[in-house]
């Protein structure tokens, strides 16, 4: 909204002997359509009297229900994926990998185009026909044979990739169906688990998405002012909210950073849903999935109205539509692909952190990084590129670090478009 309009409104009120409460001014900034109604209140209050301060309650008392605290986007369900435990053991790793294999095979069997899956031992012992088996890829050895170590649930085998392309595309830690040639013990083709085709529910509203604001390293006052002026219905902070190392190196507690974040978010209208997930800078441990910041560290954030602090990654259902929210910096750095292709591959693999030995995944009795249930929309932060694509019906947005691009994304849910706003 033009600043001159606000100044003119304030001058008009002063000329009539009234002052506008700061909360009312902020409401007018968010909803310019209030100006004629505020002018009407000034006129009525001058006629009937009742104090020289005009605030939000005056609008209501004169029968002008303006829905100032109207909420457009509501969380109907949320799921944090971390149990808060960061300790692990080799035994827990085996348990988690067994769970991964079993659940991923179950997801594969839900595909409409079922391919018969056989044990590798059986395939190698029978004839010349190439047949399919479901495996966990354990590791790759970049030698002349392009060796790939796999486990089919009954044993470990060393197979060779029939092409460099297959060797490069298979990801250690992922679960795939592979077509095995029994004559030379090679993998001639493979298929990821991937999603079924998704039909997105129609939504209305706007979501501002920001990654890596790094309070303590970056000044973000102009950023928050820009977000406010864009009048979103929700704000999602995609990890690395506070630069904890910057605070520690300055002799300060990172708690001060979270207090500052709470101050900034308190400037947003109460109607705006605020979702916060951590990154590796946020004092939650670097192991995935990351737990939310603790209440002891971020109590000011927890006390904010209409604010949710969730794990990384997390599921959120907004107005009946499932969102998968992820600070994916570890994953994007570990996989050898541009960021759009990396996120597309993540959806095909149905796993947010499959790479064995390359990602700090916390082993547990259940693999929490499997992407199940199927989301309709994915919002990923922690990268360096602007990403926007649809894969099998899943609208996927990749948000670059604010430190890198000086921008944030404004998602129009009704039109399913993104405006990249530079600050």
Protein backbone atom coordinates (compact mmCIF):
# COMPACT_ATOMS: atom_id res chain seq x y z
CA UNK A 1 0.00 0.00 0.00
CA UNK A 2 1.37 3.50 -0.81
CA UNK A 3 2.83 5.13 2.27
CA UNK A 4 1.24 8.46 1.29
CA UNK A 5 -2.25 6.98 1.78
CA UNK A 6 -1.44 6.05 5.37
CA UNK A 7 0.05 9.49 6.08
CA UNK A 8 -3.05 11.14 4.64
CA UNK A 9 -5.28 8.97 6.85
CA UNK A 10 -3.25 9.86 9.96
CA UNK A 11 -3.40 13.58 9.07
CA UNK A 12 -7.15 13.39 8.58
CA UNK A 13 -7.59 11.79 12.01
CA UNK A 14 -5.36 14.42 13.67
CA UNK A 15 -7.24 17.27 12.02
CA UNK A 16 -10.44 15.87 13.49
CA UNK A 17 -8.84 15.56 16.94
CA UNK A 18 -8.06 11.82 16.96
CA UNK A 19 -5.01 9.55 16.99
CA UNK A 20 -4.89 6.14 15.33
CA UNK A 21 -3.73 3.22 17.47
CA UNK A 22 -0.62 1.46 16.01
CA UNK A 23 -2.57 -1.82 15.75
CA UNK A 24 -5.15 -0.08 13.58
CA UNK A 25 -2.42 1.41 11.37
CA UNK A 26 -0.92 -2.07 10.87
CA UNK A 27 -4.36 -3.44 9.99
CA UNK A 28 -4.79 -0.71 7.39
CA UNK A 29 -1.38 -1.54 5.93
CA UNK A 30 -2.51 -5.16 5.57
CA UNK A 31 -5.99 -4.28 4.29
CA UNK A 32 -6.10 -1.00 2.33
CA UNK A 33 -9.82 -1.49 1.81
CA UNK A 34 -10.24 -0.44 5.47
CA UNK A 35 -9.43 3.21 4.73
CA UNK A 36 -12.96 4.36 3.85
CA UNK A 37 -14.33 2.47 6.84
CA UNK A 38 -11.81 4.09 9.19
CA UNK A 39 -12.84 7.47 7.78
CA UNK A 40 -16.44 6.51 8.56
CA UNK A 41 -15.48 5.68 12.15
CA UNK A 42 -13.71 9.05 12.49
CA UNK A 43 -16.88 10.78 11.34
CA UNK A 44 -19.13 8.79 13.69
CA UNK A 45 -16.79 9.10 16.66
CA UNK A 46 -16.64 12.87 16.22
CA UNK A 47 -20.43 12.92 16.25
CA UNK A 48 -20.90 10.63 19.27
CA UNK A 49 -17.69 11.23 21.23
CA UNK A 50 -15.83 8.60 23.28
CA UNK A 51 -12.12 9.36 23.54
CA UNK A 52 -9.45 10.61 21.18
CA UNK A 53 -7.78 7.24 20.36
CA UNK A 54 -9.27 5.19 17.51
CA UNK A 55 -8.43 1.50 17.58
CA UNK A 56 -9.66 -1.83 16.30
CA UNK A 57 -12.39 -2.06 18.95
CA UNK A 58 -13.90 1.17 17.63
CA UNK A 59 -14.39 -0.47 14.25
CA UNK A 60 -16.33 -3.28 15.92
CA UNK A 61 -18.31 -0.98 18.23
CA UNK A 62 -19.64 0.92 15.22
CA UNK A 63 -20.87 -2.29 13.66
CA UNK A 64 -18.07 -2.69 11.14
CA UNK A 65 -17.09 -6.35 11.33
CA UNK A 66 -14.01 -6.26 9.12
CA UNK A 67 -12.67 -9.77 9.77
CA UNK A 68 -9.28 -8.32 10.67
CA UNK A 69 -8.22 -11.59 12.29
CA UNK A 70 -9.74 -13.71 9.52
CA UNK A 71 -7.72 -16.89 8.95
CA UNK A 72 -7.67 -18.34 5.43
CA UNK A 73 -5.26 -21.26 5.91
CA UNK A 74 -5.74 -23.58 8.85
CA UNK A 75 -3.67 -26.60 9.89
CA UNK A 76 -6.02 -29.54 10.29
CA UNK A 77 -3.20 -32.00 10.99
CA UNK A 78 0.56 -31.93 11.45
CA UNK A 79 3.23 -34.61 11.80
CA UNK A 80 6.73 -34.00 13.11
CA UNK A 81 9.00 -36.84 11.99
CA UNK A 82 11.62 -36.67 14.76
CA UNK A 83 11.33 -38.24 18.19
CA UNK A 84 14.13 -35.99 19.44
CA UNK A 85 16.69 -38.77 19.85
CA UNK A 86 20.09 -38.15 18.25
CA UNK A 87 22.02 -41.15 19.60
CA UNK A 88 22.32 -44.21 17.39
CA UNK A 89 24.06 -47.54 17.04
CA UNK A 90 25.03 -50.01 14.33
CA UNK A 91 22.21 -52.31 15.43
CA UNK A 92 19.67 -49.52 15.02
CA UNK A 93 21.04 -48.81 11.53
CA UNK A 94 20.37 -52.42 10.50
CA UNK A 95 16.89 -52.27 11.99
CA UNK A 96 16.15 -49.04 10.11
CA UNK A 97 17.44 -50.43 6.80
CA UNK A 98 15.34 -53.56 7.23
CA UNK A 99 12.31 -51.36 7.88
CA UNK A 100 13.18 -49.25 4.83
CA UNK A 101 13.42 -52.32 2.58
CA UNK A 102 10.16 -53.84 3.84
CA UNK A 103 8.10 -50.64 3.59
CA UNK A 104 9.52 -49.59 0.24
CA UNK A 105 8.74 -53.01 -1.20
CA UNK A 106 5.19 -52.68 0.12
CA UNK A 107 4.92 -49.29 -1.64
CA UNK A 108 6.26 -50.84 -4.83
CA UNK A 109 3.60 -53.57 -4.65
CA UNK A 110 0.90 -50.88 -4.52
CA UNK A 111 1.81 -49.76 -8.05
CA UNK A 112 -0.85 -50.56 -10.67
CA UNK A 113 1.73 -52.01 -13.09
CA UNK A 114 3.02 -54.78 -10.87
CA UNK A 115 6.12 -56.57 -12.14
CA UNK A 116 6.78 -60.04 -10.71
CA UNK A 117 9.72 -59.79 -8.29
CA UNK A 118 12.03 -62.72 -7.69
CA UNK A 119 15.02 -63.46 -5.49
CA UNK A 120 18.37 -62.86 -7.13
CA UNK A 121 19.52 -66.35 -6.23
CA UNK A 122 16.60 -67.79 -8.18
CA UNK A 123 17.24 -65.51 -11.18
CA UNK A 124 20.91 -66.50 -11.32
CA UNK A 125 20.11 -70.21 -11.10
CA UNK A 126 17.46 -70.28 -13.81
CA UNK A 127 18.05 -70.06 -17.56
CA UNK A 128 18.89 -67.02 -19.64
CA UNK A 129 15.82 -64.81 -19.17
CA UNK A 130 16.25 -61.37 -17.61
CA UNK A 131 13.98 -61.05 -14.55
CA UNK A 132 13.20 -58.43 -11.92
CA UNK A 133 14.17 -58.33 -8.26
CA UNK A 134 13.60 -55.72 -5.56
CA UNK A 135 16.80 -54.60 -3.80
CA UNK A 136 18.38 -52.16 -1.39
CA UNK A 137 21.40 -50.57 -3.08
CA UNK A 138 24.26 -50.80 -0.57
CA UNK A 139 27.22 -49.23 -2.38
CA UNK A 140 28.82 -48.61 -5.76
CA UNK A 141 32.42 -49.22 -6.82
CA UNK A 142 33.57 -47.11 -9.76
CA UNK A 143 35.78 -49.71 -11.43
CA UNK A 144 35.82 -51.16 -14.94
CA UNK A 145 32.83 -53.39 -14.12
CA UNK A 146 30.74 -50.63 -12.52
CA UNK A 147 30.07 -52.90 -9.55
CA UNK A 148 26.96 -52.40 -7.45
CA UNK A 149 26.39 -54.14 -4.11
CA UNK A 150 22.71 -54.93 -3.45
CA UNK A 151 20.64 -56.77 -0.85
CA UNK A 152 17.38 -58.46 -1.86
CA UNK A 153 16.30 -59.28 1.70
CA UNK A 154 17.81 -62.76 1.62
CA UNK A 155 21.41 -62.08 0.74
CA UNK A 156 24.00 -59.62 -0.58
CA UNK A 157 25.14 -59.75 -4.21
CA UNK A 158 27.66 -57.94 -6.38
CA UNK A 159 26.20 -57.06 -9.77
CA UNK A 160 27.55 -54.87 -12.55
CA UNK A 161 25.72 -52.00 -14.23
CA UNK A 162 25.13 -52.61 -17.93
CA UNK A 163 25.76 -48.91 -18.63
CA UNK A 164 27.45 -45.93 -17.04
CA UNK A 165 24.06 -44.19 -16.98
CA UNK A 166 22.55 -46.88 -14.76
CA UNK A 167 25.62 -46.83 -12.51
CA UNK A 168 25.46 -43.05 -12.09
CA UNK A 169 21.71 -42.91 -11.46
CA UNK A 170 21.45 -45.63 -8.80
CA UNK A 171 21.74 -44.10 -5.32
CA UNK A 172 23.26 -46.07 -2.42
CA UNK A 173 20.60 -46.42 0.24
CA UNK A 174 17.70 -46.34 -2.21
CA UNK A 175 15.31 -49.23 -2.82
CA UNK A 176 14.60 -50.07 -6.46
CA UNK A 177 13.45 -52.86 -8.73
CA UNK A 178 16.32 -54.02 -10.94
CA UNK A 179 16.25 -56.16 -14.08
CA UNK A 180 18.98 -58.79 -13.75
CA UNK A 181 20.75 -60.56 -16.61
CA UNK A 182 21.74 -63.95 -15.13
CA UNK A 183 24.40 -64.64 -17.74
CA UNK A 184 26.76 -61.81 -16.80
CA UNK A 185 25.21 -60.82 -13.46
CA UNK A 186 24.39 -57.32 -14.66
CA UNK A 187 21.65 -54.78 -14.05
CA UNK A 188 20.17 -53.88 -17.42
CA UNK A 189 17.33 -51.63 -16.19
CA UNK A 190 15.81 -50.31 -12.97
CA UNK A 191 12.66 -48.58 -11.74
CA UNK A 192 12.19 -46.40 -8.67
CA UNK A 193 9.24 -46.82 -6.34
CA UNK A 194 7.89 -43.30 -7.15
CA UNK A 195 4.48 -41.80 -6.47
CA UNK A 196 1.13 -42.78 -7.84
CA UNK A 197 -0.47 -40.00 -9.87
CA UNK A 198 -1.69 -37.32 -7.45
CA UNK A 199 -4.73 -35.09 -7.86
CA UNK A 200 -4.23 -31.86 -5.93
CA UNK A 201 -7.11 -30.36 -3.98
CA UNK A 202 -7.87 -26.76 -5.02
CA UNK A 203 -6.79 -24.17 -2.48
CA UNK A 204 -7.00 -20.41 -2.06
CA UNK A 205 -4.58 -18.08 -0.38
CA UNK A 206 -0.93 -17.08 -0.50
CA UNK A 207 2.05 -18.58 1.30
CA UNK A 208 5.34 -16.72 1.77
CA UNK A 209 8.25 -19.19 1.87
CA UNK A 210 11.73 -18.18 3.07
CA UNK A 211 14.83 -20.31 3.54
CA UNK A 212 17.93 -19.65 5.66
CA UNK A 213 17.24 -16.20 7.06
CA UNK A 214 20.15 -16.75 9.49
CA UNK A 215 19.28 -14.27 12.24
CA UNK A 216 22.56 -13.09 13.75
CA UNK A 217 24.31 -13.05 10.39
CA UNK A 218 21.74 -11.25 8.22
CA UNK A 219 19.63 -8.15 8.75
CA UNK A 220 16.07 -9.10 7.92
CA UNK A 221 13.94 -6.12 8.96
CA UNK A 222 13.33 -5.16 5.33
CA UNK A 223 12.52 -8.80 4.54
CA UNK A 224 9.79 -9.01 7.19
CA UNK A 225 8.37 -5.64 6.10
CA UNK A 226 8.23 -6.90 2.51
CA UNK A 227 6.49 -10.11 3.57
CA UNK A 228 3.94 -8.15 5.59
CA UNK A 229 3.18 -5.89 2.65
CA UNK A 230 2.60 -8.93 0.43
CA UNK A 231 -0.28 -9.91 2.76
CA UNK A 232 0.23 -13.69 2.85
CA UNK A 233 -2.12 -16.09 4.58
CA UNK A 234 0.80 -18.18 5.83
CA UNK A 235 4.54 -17.77 6.31
CA UNK A 236 6.86 -20.80 6.20
CA UNK A 237 10.44 -20.45 7.47
CA UNK A 238 12.37 -23.30 5.86
CA UNK A 239 15.23 -23.96 8.27
CA UNK A 240 18.42 -22.24 9.43
CA UNK A 241 16.37 -19.60 11.20
CA UNK A 242 19.13 -18.55 13.60
CA UNK A 243 22.86 -18.51 12.88
CA UNK A 244 23.79 -20.12 16.17
CA UNK A 245 27.51 -20.06 15.40
CA UNK A 246 27.41 -16.31 14.81
CA UNK A 247 25.87 -15.76 18.24
CA UNK A 248 28.32 -18.09 19.99
CA UNK A 249 31.34 -16.49 18.27
CA UNK A 250 30.07 -13.09 19.47
CA UNK A 251 29.81 -14.34 23.07
CA UNK A 252 26.01 -14.34 23.01
CA UNK A 253 23.45 -17.08 23.50
CA UNK A 254 21.53 -18.28 20.43
CA UNK A 255 18.45 -17.86 22.63
CA UNK A 256 18.75 -14.16 21.78
CA UNK A 257 18.38 -15.10 18.13
CA UNK A 258 15.14 -16.97 18.71
CA UNK A 259 13.87 -14.06 20.79
CA UNK A 260 14.61 -11.79 17.84
CA UNK A 261 12.77 -14.14 15.46
CA UNK A 262 9.76 -14.03 17.78
CA UNK A 263 9.86 -10.22 17.76
CA UNK A 264 9.92 -10.16 13.96
CA UNK A 265 7.12 -12.68 13.57
CA UNK A 266 4.99 -10.82 16.13
CA UNK A 267 4.87 -7.97 13.60
CA UNK A 268 2.91 -10.21 11.26
CA UNK A 269 -0.89 -10.11 11.61
CA UNK A 270 -2.28 -12.70 13.99
CA UNK A 271 -4.36 -14.20 11.19
CA UNK A 272 -1.18 -15.27 9.34
CA UNK A 273 -0.28 -18.91 10.01
CA UNK A 274 3.43 -19.20 10.81
CA UNK A 275 5.30 -22.51 10.34
CA UNK A 276 8.93 -22.91 11.41
CA UNK A 277 11.19 -25.91 10.75
CA UNK A 278 14.89 -26.15 11.72
CA UNK A 279 18.10 -26.49 9.74
CA UNK A 280 21.58 -27.55 10.75
CA UNK A 281 22.28 -24.11 12.30
CA UNK A 282 19.32 -24.24 14.65
CA UNK A 283 20.64 -26.09 17.71
CA UNK A 284 18.54 -29.18 17.03
CA UNK A 285 21.34 -31.58 16.04
CA UNK A 286 22.32 -32.18 12.43
CA UNK A 287 20.91 -35.71 12.18
CA UNK A 288 17.82 -36.16 10.01
CA UNK A 289 15.01 -35.97 10.84
CA UNK A 290 15.74 -32.95 13.02
CA UNK A 291 13.61 -32.23 16.05
CA UNK A 292 12.00 -28.78 16.45
CA UNK A 293 13.88 -26.18 18.50
CA UNK A 294 13.32 -26.90 22.20
CA UNK A 295 10.99 -24.82 24.33
CA UNK A 296 13.94 -23.86 26.52
CA UNK A 297 15.70 -22.29 23.54
CA UNK A 298 12.73 -20.88 21.63
CA UNK A 299 10.03 -20.26 24.26
CA UNK A 300 9.22 -16.83 22.81
CA UNK A 301 8.42 -18.46 19.46
CA UNK A 302 6.27 -21.14 21.09
CA UNK A 303 4.20 -18.45 22.79
CA UNK A 304 3.30 -16.69 19.53
CA UNK A 305 -0.30 -17.05 18.44
CA UNK A 306 -0.96 -19.12 15.29
CA UNK A 307 2.64 -20.42 15.16
CA UNK A 308 3.85 -24.02 14.73
CA UNK A 309 7.39 -25.27 15.32
CA UNK A 310 7.81 -28.62 13.57
CA UNK A 311 10.57 -31.09 12.74
CA UNK A 312 12.65 -31.16 9.57
CA UNK A 313 11.10 -32.59 7.47
CA UNK A 314 7.44 -32.41 8.49
CA UNK A 315 3.97 -33.03 7.11
CA UNK A 316 1.29 -30.37 7.35
CA UNK A 317 -2.29 -30.61 6.13
CA UNK A 318 -3.60 -27.15 5.18
CA UNK A 319 -7.31 -26.93 4.42
CA UNK A 320 -7.32 -30.64 3.55
CA UNK A 321 -4.21 -30.62 1.32
CA UNK A 322 -1.01 -32.43 2.38
CA UNK A 323 2.26 -30.49 2.29
CA UNK A 324 5.73 -32.00 2.75
CA UNK A 325 8.08 -29.33 4.11
CA UNK A 326 11.83 -29.94 4.07
CA UNK A 327 15.09 -28.05 4.62
CA UNK A 328 16.93 -30.18 2.10
CA UNK A 329 20.45 -28.70 2.15
CA UNK A 330 22.15 -31.97 3.15
CA UNK A 331 20.32 -33.91 0.45
CA UNK A 332 20.90 -31.32 -2.30
CA UNK A 333 24.63 -31.24 -1.59
CA UNK A 334 24.97 -35.02 -1.46
CA UNK A 335 23.23 -35.94 -4.71
CA UNK A 336 25.00 -35.37 -8.01
CA UNK A 337 22.35 -33.39 -9.94
CA UNK A 338 20.98 -29.90 -10.43
CA UNK A 339 18.40 -29.01 -7.81
CA UNK A 340 15.27 -29.50 -9.90
CA UNK A 341 16.44 -32.94 -11.00
CA UNK A 342 17.54 -33.72 -7.41
CA UNK A 343 14.06 -32.97 -6.05
CA UNK A 344 12.44 -34.91 -8.89
CA UNK A 345 14.69 -37.86 -8.05
CA UNK A 346 13.71 -37.58 -4.38
CA UNK A 347 10.06 -38.00 -5.34
CA UNK A 348 10.84 -40.95 -7.62
CA UNK A 349 12.81 -42.67 -4.84
CA UNK A 350 10.07 -41.92 -2.29
CA UNK A 351 12.81 -41.06 0.18
CA UNK A 352 14.13 -37.72 1.46
CA UNK A 353 17.58 -38.96 2.57
CA UNK A 354 18.55 -42.34 1.11
CA UNK A 355 22.31 -41.85 0.64
CA UNK A 356 24.13 -44.23 2.98
CA UNK A 357 27.23 -42.64 4.50
CA UNK A 358 26.67 -39.30 2.75
CA UNK A 359 23.86 -37.91 4.92
CA UNK A 360 23.59 -37.51 8.71
CA UNK A 361 20.51 -39.70 9.14
CA UNK A 362 19.64 -40.79 12.68
CA UNK A 363 18.94 -44.56 12.71
CA UNK A 364 15.81 -45.65 14.52
CA UNK A 365 13.44 -48.59 14.60
CA UNK A 366 11.39 -46.98 11.82
CA UNK A 367 12.71 -45.10 8.79
CA UNK A 368 11.07 -41.70 9.16
CA UNK A 369 12.51 -40.23 5.95
CA UNK A 370 10.36 -42.38 3.63
CA UNK A 371 7.94 -40.04 1.86
CA UNK A 372 4.71 -41.68 2.91
CA UNK A 373 1.90 -40.61 2.85
CA UNK A 374 1.99 -39.06 -0.60
CA UNK A 375 1.93 -35.24 -0.42
CA UNK A 376 0.13 -33.03 -2.90
CA UNK A 377 2.64 -30.20 -2.52
CA UNK A 378 6.33 -30.15 -1.58
CA UNK A 379 8.18 -27.07 -0.32
CA UNK A 380 11.95 -27.52 0.00
CA UNK A 381 14.52 -25.00 1.22
CA UNK A 382 18.27 -24.93 1.69
CA UNK A 383 19.26 -24.78 -1.97
CA UNK A 384 20.69 -22.14 -4.29
CA UNK A 385 18.24 -22.37 -7.21
CA UNK A 386 14.64 -21.37 -7.79
CA UNK A 387 12.69 -24.55 -8.54
CA UNK A 388 9.08 -24.92 -9.67
CA UNK A 389 7.73 -28.06 -11.34
CA UNK A 390 4.98 -30.67 -11.16
CA UNK A 391 5.85 -34.36 -10.98
CA UNK A 392 3.03 -36.89 -11.23
CA UNK A 393 0.67 -34.25 -9.88
CA UNK A 394 2.92 -33.18 -6.97
CA UNK A 395 3.62 -29.43 -7.11
CA UNK A 396 7.20 -28.99 -5.96
CA UNK A 397 8.86 -25.70 -5.04
CA UNK A 398 12.54 -25.27 -4.20
CA UNK A 399 13.40 -22.07 -2.34
CA UNK A 400 16.97 -20.74 -2.48
CA UNK A 401 18.73 -19.52 0.63
CA UNK A 402 17.90 -15.90 1.47
CA UNK A 403 21.62 -15.41 2.10
CA UNK A 404 22.25 -16.39 -1.53
CA UNK A 405 19.42 -14.76 -3.48
CA UNK A 406 18.08 -12.00 -1.20
CA UNK A 407 14.59 -13.16 -2.12
CA UNK A 408 11.59 -15.17 -0.98
CA UNK A 409 8.82 -16.99 -2.78
CA UNK A 410 5.16 -15.98 -2.70
CA UNK A 411 2.99 -18.96 -3.62
CA UNK A 412 -0.43 -18.20 -5.07
CA UNK A 413 -2.27 -21.41 -4.20
CA UNK A 414 -5.31 -20.68 -6.34
CA UNK A 415 -3.34 -19.95 -9.54
CA UNK A 416 -0.46 -22.26 -8.53
CA UNK A 417 2.15 -19.71 -9.47
CA UNK A 418 5.19 -18.30 -7.66
CA UNK A 419 6.31 -14.71 -7.49
CA UNK A 420 9.96 -14.38 -6.49
CA UNK A 421 10.25 -11.19 -4.46
CA UNK A 422 13.66 -9.56 -4.13
CA UNK A 423 14.28 -7.52 -0.98
